[in-house]
C-alpha atoms as a PDB file:
ATOM      1  CA  MET A   1      99.241 118.164 128.198  1.00  0.00           C
ATOM      2  CA  SER A   2      97.600 119.958 131.297  1.00  0.00           C
ATOM      3  CA  ASN A   3      94.293 120.145 130.392  1.00  0.00           C
ATOM      4  CA  ALA A   4      94.280 116.772 129.021  1.00  0.00           C
ATOM      5  CA  LYS A   5      91.862 114.985 131.169  1.00  0.00           C
ATOM      6  CA  LYS A   6      94.099 111.183 132.701  1.00  0.00           C
ATOM      7  CA  ASP A   7      93.456 107.631 131.167  1.00  0.00           C
ATOM      8  CA  THR A   8      92.795 109.456 127.888  1.00  0.00           C
ATOM      9  CA  LEU A   9      93.827 109.375 124.197  1.00  0.00           C
ATOM     10  CA  ARG A  10      94.678 113.000 124.192  1.00  0.00           C
ATOM     11  CA  ARG A  11      96.931 112.449 127.225  1.00  0.00           C
ATOM     12  CA  GLU A  12      99.025 109.415 125.812  1.00  0.00           C
ATOM     13  CA  ILE A  13      99.464 111.489 122.851  1.00  0.00           C
ATOM     14  CA  ALA A  14     100.470 114.720 124.567  1.00  0.00           C
ATOM     15  CA  ALA A  15     102.940 112.859 126.801  1.00  0.00           C
ATOM     16  CA  HIS A  16     104.624 111.168 123.941  1.00  0.00           C
ATOM     17  CA  LEU A  17     104.963 114.427 121.588  1.00  0.00           C
ATOM     18  CA  ASP A  18     106.125 115.979 124.750  1.00  0.00           C
ATOM     19  CA  SER A  19     108.696 113.276 125.394  1.00  0.00           C
ATOM     20  CA  GLN A  20     109.888 113.131 122.216  1.00  0.00           C
ATOM     21  CA  PHE A  21     109.826 117.369 122.346  1.00  0.00           C
ATOM     22  CA  GLN A  22     113.350 118.955 122.546  1.00  0.00           C
ATOM     23  CA  ALA A  23     113.398 122.925 123.018  1.00  0.00           C
ATOM     24  CA  PRO A  24     116.491 125.013 122.194  1.00  0.00           C
ATOM     25  CA  LYS A  25     118.994 126.357 124.346  1.00  0.00           C
ATOM     26  CA  GLU A  26     118.997 130.110 124.674  1.00  0.00           C
ATOM     27  CA  ASP A  27     123.132 129.933 122.672  1.00  0.00           C
ATOM     28  CA  SER A  28     121.229 128.296 119.857  1.00  0.00           C
ATOM     29  CA  LYS A  29     119.385 131.468 119.115  1.00  0.00           C
ATOM     30  CA  LEU A  30     116.477 129.764 118.025  1.00  0.00           C
ATOM     31  CA  ILE A  31     113.165 131.541 119.067  1.00  0.00           C
ATOM     32  CA  LEU A  32     110.125 128.381 119.220  1.00  0.00           C
ATOM     33  CA  PRO A  33     107.590 130.380 116.509  1.00  0.00           C
ATOM     34  CA  LYS A  34     104.455 132.337 117.726  1.00  0.00           C
ATOM     35  CA  LYS A  35     100.962 132.014 116.357  1.00  0.00           C
ATOM     36  CA  ALA A  36     100.947 133.459 113.012  1.00  0.00           C
ATOM     37  CA  LYS A  37     100.215 137.060 112.690  1.00  0.00           C
ATOM     38  CA  LYS A  38      98.243 136.263 109.226  1.00  0.00           C
ATOM     39  CA  PRO A  39      96.360 133.528 108.552  1.00  0.00           C
ATOM     40  CA  HIS A  40      99.150 130.905 107.039  1.00  0.00           C
ATOM     41  CA  VAL A  41      98.079 129.960 103.787  1.00  0.00           C
ATOM     42  CA  ASN A  42      99.406 126.489 102.879  1.00  0.00           C
ATOM     43  CA  PRO A  43      96.776 124.252 101.633  1.00  0.00           C
ATOM     44  CA  TYR A  44      98.777 120.493 102.596  1.00  0.00           C
ATOM     45  CA  LEU A  45      97.813 121.894 105.692  1.00  0.00           C
ATOM     46  CA  ASP A  46      94.378 121.832 105.643  1.00  0.00           C
ATOM     47  CA  ILE A  47      94.274 119.026 103.658  1.00  0.00           C
ATOM     48  CA  TRP A  48      95.814 117.129 106.148  1.00  0.00           C
ATOM     49  CA  ALA A  49      93.600 118.424 108.934  1.00  0.00           C
ATOM     50  CA  TRP A  50      90.947 116.764 106.489  1.00  0.00           C
ATOM     51  CA  SER A  51      92.389 113.686 106.540  1.00  0.00           C
ATOM     52  CA  ASN A  52      92.835 113.734 110.531  1.00  0.00           C
ATOM     53  CA  ILE A  53      88.841 114.273 110.544  1.00  0.00           C
ATOM     54  CA  ALA A  54      88.236 111.292 108.059  1.00  0.00           C
ATOM     55  CA  LEU A  55      90.350 108.900 109.430  1.00  0.00           C
ATOM     56  CA  GLU A  56      89.083 109.744 113.388  1.00  0.00           C
ATOM     57  CA  TRP A  57      93.258 110.274 113.240  1.00  0.00           C
ATOM     58  CA  GLY A  58      94.300 111.880 116.962  1.00  0.00           C
ATOM     59  CA  GLY A  59      97.651 111.728 116.550  1.00  0.00           C
ATOM     60  CA  PRO A  60     101.048 109.702 117.427  1.00  0.00           C
ATOM     61  CA  GLU A  61     101.926 107.965 120.767  1.00  0.00           C
ATOM     62  CA  ALA A  62     104.111 105.035 121.782  1.00  0.00           C
ATOM     63  CA  THR A  63     102.875 102.278 119.895  1.00  0.00           C
ATOM     64  CA  THR A  64     101.998 103.959 116.666  1.00  0.00           C
ATOM     65  CA  ALA A  65     105.843 103.220 115.967  1.00  0.00           C
ATOM     66  CA  GLN A  66     104.571  99.166 115.667  1.00  0.00           C
ATOM     67  CA  ILE A  67     102.642 100.545 113.077  1.00  0.00           C
ATOM     68  CA  LYS A  68     103.472  99.127 109.528  1.00  0.00           C
ATOM     69  CA  HIS A  69     101.005 100.328 107.126  1.00  0.00           C
ATOM     70  CA  SER A  70      99.050 103.707 106.518  1.00  0.00           C
ATOM     71  CA  HIS A  71      95.621 104.610 104.780  1.00  0.00           C
ATOM     72  CA  ALA A  72      95.617 104.137 100.483  1.00  0.00           C
ATOM     73  CA  ILE A  73      95.377 107.909 100.774  1.00  0.00           C
ATOM     74  CA  LEU A  74      98.751 108.694 102.036  1.00  0.00           C
ATOM     75  CA  PRO A  75      99.894 107.745  98.781  1.00  0.00           C
ATOM     76  CA  ILE A  76      97.851 109.908  96.956  1.00  0.00           C
ATOM     77  CA  LEU A  77      98.434 112.897  99.062  1.00  0.00           C
ATOM     78  CA  TYR A  78     102.100 112.065  99.320  1.00  0.00           C
ATOM     79  CA  HIS A  79     102.358 112.860  94.791  1.00  0.00           C
ATOM     80  CA  HIS A  80     100.582 115.785  95.241  1.00  0.00           C
ATOM     81  CA  PHE A  81     102.579 117.330  98.242  1.00  0.00           C
ATOM     82  CA  GLY A  82     105.034 115.169  99.275  1.00  0.00           C
ATOM     83  CA  CYS A  83     105.625 112.830 101.777  1.00  0.00           C
ATOM     84  CA  ILE A  84     104.827 115.083 105.047  1.00  0.00           C
ATOM     85  CA  VAL A  85     103.354 119.121 105.690  1.00  0.00           C
ATOM     86  CA  PRO A  86     105.457 121.823 106.213  1.00  0.00           C
ATOM     87  CA  SER A  87     103.773 123.461 109.172  1.00  0.00           C
ATOM     88  CA  TYR A  88     104.357 127.312 110.132  1.00  0.00           C
ATOM     89  CA  ASP A  89     106.616 126.001 112.919  1.00  0.00           C
ATOM     90  CA  ALA A  90     108.237 124.179 110.778  1.00  0.00           C
ATOM     91  CA  LEU A  91     108.909 126.837 108.309  1.00  0.00           C
ATOM     92  CA  ASN A  92     109.643 129.438 110.312  1.00  0.00           C
ATOM     93  CA  VAL A  93     112.244 127.678 112.228  1.00  0.00           C
ATOM     94  CA  LEU A  94     113.906 127.035 108.833  1.00  0.00           C
ATOM     95  CA  GLN A  95     113.919 130.562 107.867  1.00  0.00           C
ATOM     96  CA  GLN A  96     115.714 131.404 111.385  1.00  0.00           C
ATOM     97  CA  VAL A  97     118.616 128.766 111.403  1.00  0.00           C
ATOM     98  CA  GLY A  98     118.702 129.799 107.166  1.00  0.00           C
ATOM     99  CA  LYS A  99     118.509 133.451 107.586  1.00  0.00           C
ATOM    100  CA  GLY A 100     120.727 134.836 104.023  1.00  0.00           C
ATOM    101  CA  ARG A 101     121.496 132.024 103.476  1.00  0.00           C
ATOM    102  CA  LYS A 102     121.497 128.882 101.129  1.00  0.00           C
ATOM    103  CA  ILE A 103     119.425 125.963 101.868  1.00  0.00           C
ATOM    104  CA  ILE A 104     119.768 122.515  99.882  1.00  0.00           C
ATOM    105  CA  ASP A 105     116.167 120.965  99.886  1.00  0.00           C
ATOM    106  CA  LEU A 106     118.345 117.222  98.509  1.00  0.00           C
ATOM    107  CA  GLY A 107     115.924 114.955  97.454  1.00  0.00           C
ATOM    108  CA  SER A 108     113.086 117.572  97.167  1.00  0.00           C
ATOM    109  CA  GLY A 109     111.107 115.447  95.340  1.00  0.00           C
ATOM    110  CA  ASN A 110     107.783 117.737  93.511  1.00  0.00           C
ATOM    111  CA  GLY A 111     109.419 120.778  95.385  1.00  0.00           C
ATOM    112  CA  TYR A 112     106.676 121.370  98.047  1.00  0.00           C
ATOM    113  CA  TRP A 113     108.353 122.245 101.096  1.00  0.00           C
ATOM    114  CA  THR A 114     111.162 124.483  98.601  1.00  0.00           C
ATOM    115  CA  TYR A 115     108.008 126.052  96.816  1.00  0.00           C
ATOM    116  CA  MET A 116     106.615 127.090 100.742  1.00  0.00           C
ATOM    117  CA  LEU A 117     109.747 128.399 101.977  1.00  0.00           C
ATOM    118  CA  ARG A 118     109.990 130.375  98.946  1.00  0.00           C
ATOM    119  CA  ARG A 119     107.024 132.128  99.396  1.00  0.00           C
ATOM    120  CA  PHE A 120     107.444 131.836 103.101  1.00  0.00           C
ATOM    121  CA  ASP A 121     110.573 134.128 102.980  1.00  0.00           C
ATOM    122  CA  ARG A 122     108.908 136.745 100.193  1.00  0.00           C
ATOM    123  CA  GLU A 123     106.362 136.934 103.209  1.00  0.00           C
ATOM    124  CA  LEU A 124     109.163 138.084 105.544  1.00  0.00           C
ATOM    125  CA  ASN A 125     111.709 140.039 102.964  1.00  0.00           C
ATOM    126  CA  PRO A 126     109.703 141.362 100.295  1.00  0.00           C
ATOM    127  CA  GLN A 127     112.498 142.969  98.926  1.00  0.00           C
ATOM    128  CA  GLY A 128     114.740 140.263  99.095  1.00  0.00           C
ATOM    129  CA  GLY A 129     118.488 141.604 101.062  1.00  0.00           C
ATOM    130  CA  LYS A 130     120.654 139.975 103.195  1.00  0.00           C
ATOM    131  CA  ASN A 131     118.159 138.072 105.365  1.00  0.00           C
ATOM    132  CA  ALA A 132     116.786 136.650 101.917  1.00  0.00           C
ATOM    133  CA  MET A 133     117.091 132.877 101.885  1.00  0.00           C
ATOM    134  CA  THR A 134     117.791 131.037  98.637  1.00  0.00           C
ATOM    135  CA  VAL A 135     116.319 127.686  98.508  1.00  0.00           C
ATOM    136  CA  ILE A 136     117.817 124.624  95.684  1.00  0.00           C
ATOM    137  CA  PRO A 137     116.277 121.674  95.224  1.00  0.00           C
ATOM    138  CA  VAL A 138     117.584 119.138  94.345  1.00  0.00           C
ATOM    139  CA  ASP A 139     116.171 115.532  92.973  1.00  0.00           C
ATOM    140  CA  ASN A 140     116.725 112.480  90.370  1.00  0.00           C
ATOM    141  CA  GLY A 141     113.047 112.838  89.175  1.00  0.00           C
ATOM    142  CA  LEU A 142     112.629 108.898  89.295  1.00  0.00           C
ATOM    143  CA  SER A 143     109.112 109.418  91.179  1.00  0.00           C
ATOM    144  CA  GLU A 144     106.621 110.057  88.350  1.00  0.00           C
ATOM    145  CA  TRP A 145     103.369 110.513  88.546  1.00  0.00           C
ATOM    146  CA  ARG A 146     104.221 113.906  90.502  1.00  0.00           C
ATOM    147  CA  THR A 147     101.885 117.677  91.082  1.00  0.00           C
ATOM    148  CA  ILE A 148     105.098 119.909  89.941  1.00  0.00           C
ATOM    149  CA  TRP A 149     105.475 123.018  92.659  1.00  0.00           C
ATOM    150  CA  VAL A 150     108.361 124.403  91.594  1.00  0.00           C
ATOM    151  CA  ASP A 151     110.079 124.486  87.423  1.00  0.00           C
ATOM    152  CA  ASP A 152     113.999 124.858  88.670  1.00  0.00           C
ATOM    153  CA  THR A 153     114.856 121.712  90.263  1.00  0.00           C
ATOM    154  CA  VAL A 154     118.313 120.546  89.795  1.00  0.00           C
ATOM    155  CA  MET A 155     117.189 117.128  88.457  1.00  0.00           C
ATOM    156  CA  GLN A 156     120.714 114.562  89.986  1.00  0.00           C
ATOM    157  CA  ASP A 157     121.725 112.749  92.188  1.00  0.00           C
ATOM    158  CA  GLY A 158     121.878 114.543  95.792  1.00  0.00           C
ATOM    159  CA  VAL A 159     125.194 112.895  96.921  1.00  0.00           C
ATOM    160  CA  GLU A 160     126.735 113.919  93.027  1.00  0.00           C
ATOM    161  CA  TRP A 161     125.933 117.012  93.724  1.00  0.00           C
ATOM    162  CA  LEU A 162     127.192 117.722  96.998  1.00  0.00           C
ATOM    163  CA  GLU A 163     129.869 116.202  95.618  1.00  0.00           C
ATOM    164  CA  GLN A 164     130.130 118.081  93.304  1.00  0.00           C
ATOM    165  CA  ASN A 165     129.236 120.824  95.084  1.00  0.00           C
ATOM    166  CA  LYS A 166     131.750 121.787  97.736  1.00  0.00           C
ATOM    167  CA  GLY A 167     129.926 119.710  99.884  1.00  0.00           C
ATOM    168  CA  ALA A 168     127.556 122.654 100.027  1.00  0.00           C
ATOM    169  CA  GLU A 169     130.031 123.764 102.352  1.00  0.00           C
ATOM    170  CA  ASP A 170     128.357 127.524 102.565  1.00  0.00           C
ATOM    171  CA  ALA A 171     125.065 126.002 102.714  1.00  0.00           C
ATOM    172  CA  MET A 172     122.453 124.527 105.223  1.00  0.00           C
ATOM    173  CA  LEU A 173     121.139 121.111 104.413  1.00  0.00           C
ATOM    174  CA  LEU A 174     117.462 119.913 104.152  1.00  0.00           C
ATOM    175  CA  LEU A 175     116.307 116.214 104.206  1.00  0.00           C
ATOM    176  CA  VAL A 176     112.935 116.177 103.939  1.00  0.00           C
ATOM    177  CA  TYR A 177     111.080 112.314 104.472  1.00  0.00           C
ATOM    178  CA  PRO A 178     115.058 111.181 103.441  1.00  0.00           C
ATOM    179  CA  GLN A 179     115.070 108.156 101.919  1.00  0.00           C
ATOM    180  CA  VAL A 180     115.789 104.571 103.442  1.00  0.00           C
ATOM    181  CA  SER A 181     117.493 103.106 100.830  1.00  0.00           C
ATOM    182  CA  ALA A 182     120.927 102.462  99.242  1.00  0.00           C
ATOM    183  CA  ASP A 183     122.263 104.500 102.277  1.00  0.00           C
ATOM    184  CA  PHE A 184     120.614 107.733 100.956  1.00  0.00           C
ATOM    185  CA  THR A 185     120.385 109.783 104.429  1.00  0.00           C
ATOM    186  CA  GLY A 186     123.956 108.857 105.458  1.00  0.00           C
ATOM    187  CA  ARG A 187     125.941 109.110 102.158  1.00  0.00           C
ATOM    188  CA  ALA A 188     123.982 112.639 101.779  1.00  0.00           C
ATOM    189  CA  ILE A 189     125.351 113.166 105.539  1.00  0.00           C
ATOM    190  CA  GLY A 190     128.212 112.241 105.251  1.00  0.00           C
ATOM    191  CA  ALA A 191     129.100 114.229 101.739  1.00  0.00           C
ATOM    192  CA  TYR A 192     127.984 117.613 103.740  1.00  0.00           C
ATOM    193  CA  LYS A 193     131.068 119.595 104.388  1.00  0.00           C
ATOM    194  CA  GLY A 194     128.895 122.526 105.870  1.00  0.00           C
ATOM    195  CA  ASP A 195     127.665 123.184 109.770  1.00  0.00           C
ATOM    196  CA  THR A 196     123.582 123.088 110.002  1.00  0.00           C
ATOM    197  CA  ILE A 197     121.796 119.802 108.901  1.00  0.00           C
ATOM    198  CA  VAL A 198     117.876 119.717 109.266  1.00  0.00           C
ATOM    199  CA  VAL A 199     115.831 116.843 108.656  1.00  0.00           C
ATOM    200  CA  ALA A 200     111.615 116.147 108.474  1.00  0.00           C
ATOM    201  CA  GLY A 201     110.939 112.539 108.988  1.00  0.00           C
ATOM    202  CA  THR A 202     109.467 110.188 111.652  1.00  0.00           C
ATOM    203  CA  GLN A 203     110.995 110.644 114.978  1.00  0.00           C
ATOM    204  CA  ASN A 204     110.859 106.370 116.180  1.00  0.00           C
ATOM    205  CA  ALA A 205     113.027 103.729 114.679  1.00  0.00           C
ATOM    206  CA  ASN A 206     110.062 102.223 112.447  1.00  0.00           C
ATOM    207  CA  GLY A 207     111.966 102.740 109.228  1.00  0.00           C
ATOM    208  CA  PHE A 208     110.069 104.995 107.299  1.00  0.00           C
ATOM    209  CA  THR A 209     112.893 107.490 106.647  1.00  0.00           C
ATOM    210  CA  ALA A 210     116.258 108.069 106.913  1.00  0.00           C
ATOM    211  CA  PHE A 211     117.462 104.823 108.281  1.00  0.00           C
ATOM    212  CA  ALA A 212     115.556 100.685 108.660  1.00  0.00           C
ATOM    213  CA  ASP A 213     116.164 100.639 112.322  1.00  0.00           C
ATOM    214  CA  GLU A 214     117.157 103.723 114.196  1.00  0.00           C
ATOM    215  CA  THR A 215     116.372 107.438 114.085  1.00  0.00           C
ATOM    216  CA  ILE A 216     117.926 110.339 112.634  1.00  0.00           C
ATOM    217  CA  SER A 217     118.693 111.382 116.373  1.00  0.00           C
ATOM    218  CA  ALA A 218     120.879 108.405 116.999  1.00  0.00           C
ATOM    219  CA  TRP A 219     122.657 108.145 114.244  1.00  0.00           C
ATOM    220  CA  MET A 220     123.983 111.059 114.302  1.00  0.00           C
ATOM    221  CA  GLN A 221     124.933 111.298 117.432  1.00  0.00           C
ATOM    222  CA  ARG A 222     126.979 107.840 116.954  1.00  0.00           C
ATOM    223  CA  GLU A 223     128.028 108.949 112.854  1.00  0.00           C
ATOM    224  CA  MET A 224     128.244 112.460 113.346  1.00  0.00           C
ATOM    225  CA  PRO A 225     129.086 113.101 117.302  1.00  0.00           C
ATOM    226  CA  SER A 226     130.963 116.755 115.690  1.00  0.00           C
ATOM    227  CA  PHE A 227     127.318 118.015 115.562  1.00  0.00           C
ATOM    228  CA  GLY A 228     124.458 118.134 118.301  1.00  0.00           C
ATOM    229  CA  LYS A 229     120.926 118.464 117.977  1.00  0.00           C
ATOM    230  CA  VAL A 230     119.265 121.882 118.891  1.00  0.00           C
ATOM    231  CA  LEU A 231     115.973 120.883 118.301  1.00  0.00           C
ATOM    232  CA  GLN A 232     112.952 118.290 117.356  1.00  0.00           C
ATOM    233  CA  ILE A 233     109.245 119.728 116.906  1.00  0.00           C
ATOM    234  CA  PRO A 234     106.743 117.443 116.339  1.00  0.00           C
ATOM    235  CA  LEU A 235     105.794 117.966 112.505  1.00  0.00           C
ATOM    236  CA  PRO A 236     101.805 117.393 111.343  1.00  0.00           C
ATOM    237  CA  SER A 237     101.403 113.273 111.503  1.00  0.00           C
ATOM    238  CA  PHE A 238      99.558 111.505 108.659  1.00  0.00           C
ATOM    239  CA  ALA A 239      97.344 108.611 110.819  1.00  0.00           C
ATOM    240  CA  GLY A 240      99.827 105.941 111.452  1.00  0.00           C
ATOM    241  CA  LYS A 241     102.681 108.189 111.449  1.00  0.00           C
ATOM    242  CA  ASP A 242     104.843 110.456 114.013  1.00  0.00           C
ATOM    243  CA  GLU A 243     107.123 113.066 112.539  1.00  0.00           C
ATOM    244  CA  ALA A 244     109.352 115.792 113.545  1.00  0.00           C
ATOM    245  CA  LEU A 245     111.600 118.490 112.392  1.00  0.00           C
ATOM    246  CA  PHE A 246     115.126 117.649 113.705  1.00  0.00           C
ATOM    247  CA  VAL A 247     118.018 120.573 114.025  1.00  0.00           C
ATOM    248  CA  PHE A 248     121.708 119.361 113.753  1.00  0.00           C
ATOM    249  CA  LYS A 249     124.224 122.388 114.485  1.00  0.00           C
ATOM    250  CA  LYS A 250     128.069 121.724 113.875  1.00  0.00           C
ATOM    251  CA  THR A 251     129.604 122.105 117.164  1.00  0.00           C
ATOM    252  CA  SER A 252     132.981 121.282 117.468  1.00  0.00           C
ATOM    253  CA  SER A 253     134.980 120.060 113.651  1.00  0.00           C
END
């Protein structure tokens, strides 16, 4: 924000993103990622960048929460890749919190986040070992005509899967753009028995993800006080959207 000129859109966007950012505390053992040492291969990130140029989108600011409709290109990208882009920073954070653990990608859609997480992890742990992640995609498969990125998705309702698997007590829960309808997000988090929840979705209360009229942060603070938010970082936002990655860790029983 320091090099953005006063009274410019760039300044407004930078100020908004900075106001939403929450850095990890020293005792969380999370480290904000540095620039990748080699080119980060992520086709969705490239297409996202192109869409911003084509649609003349600079990024979210405070009034983005009032936008109810986005460009018609987005459903096409959603079906080919997913509802939100996993950035290098997001993958790096997920690898840190999921190191040596199972990650349950609940409501995984076409599996793009699972695909990218597995690819990212293989680059860091080519021989596997104790630091490698195990990513398990779970989805009910109701959305058709999608490009499928992984071939081992567990085809089941996510809440049912949690209830039948001890609430994934030994795993990390990942919710990527969790749906608002049928209280899916609340029921999924309520059925989870582990200690780490990561959500990729909107960081305002526009109702696109998680809950219809409040942010995931506000809901977690009220409904799940045993979890504390340890990180909130911006994610690549499509035109008219305002996305972030949230990490919640259990602080008490």
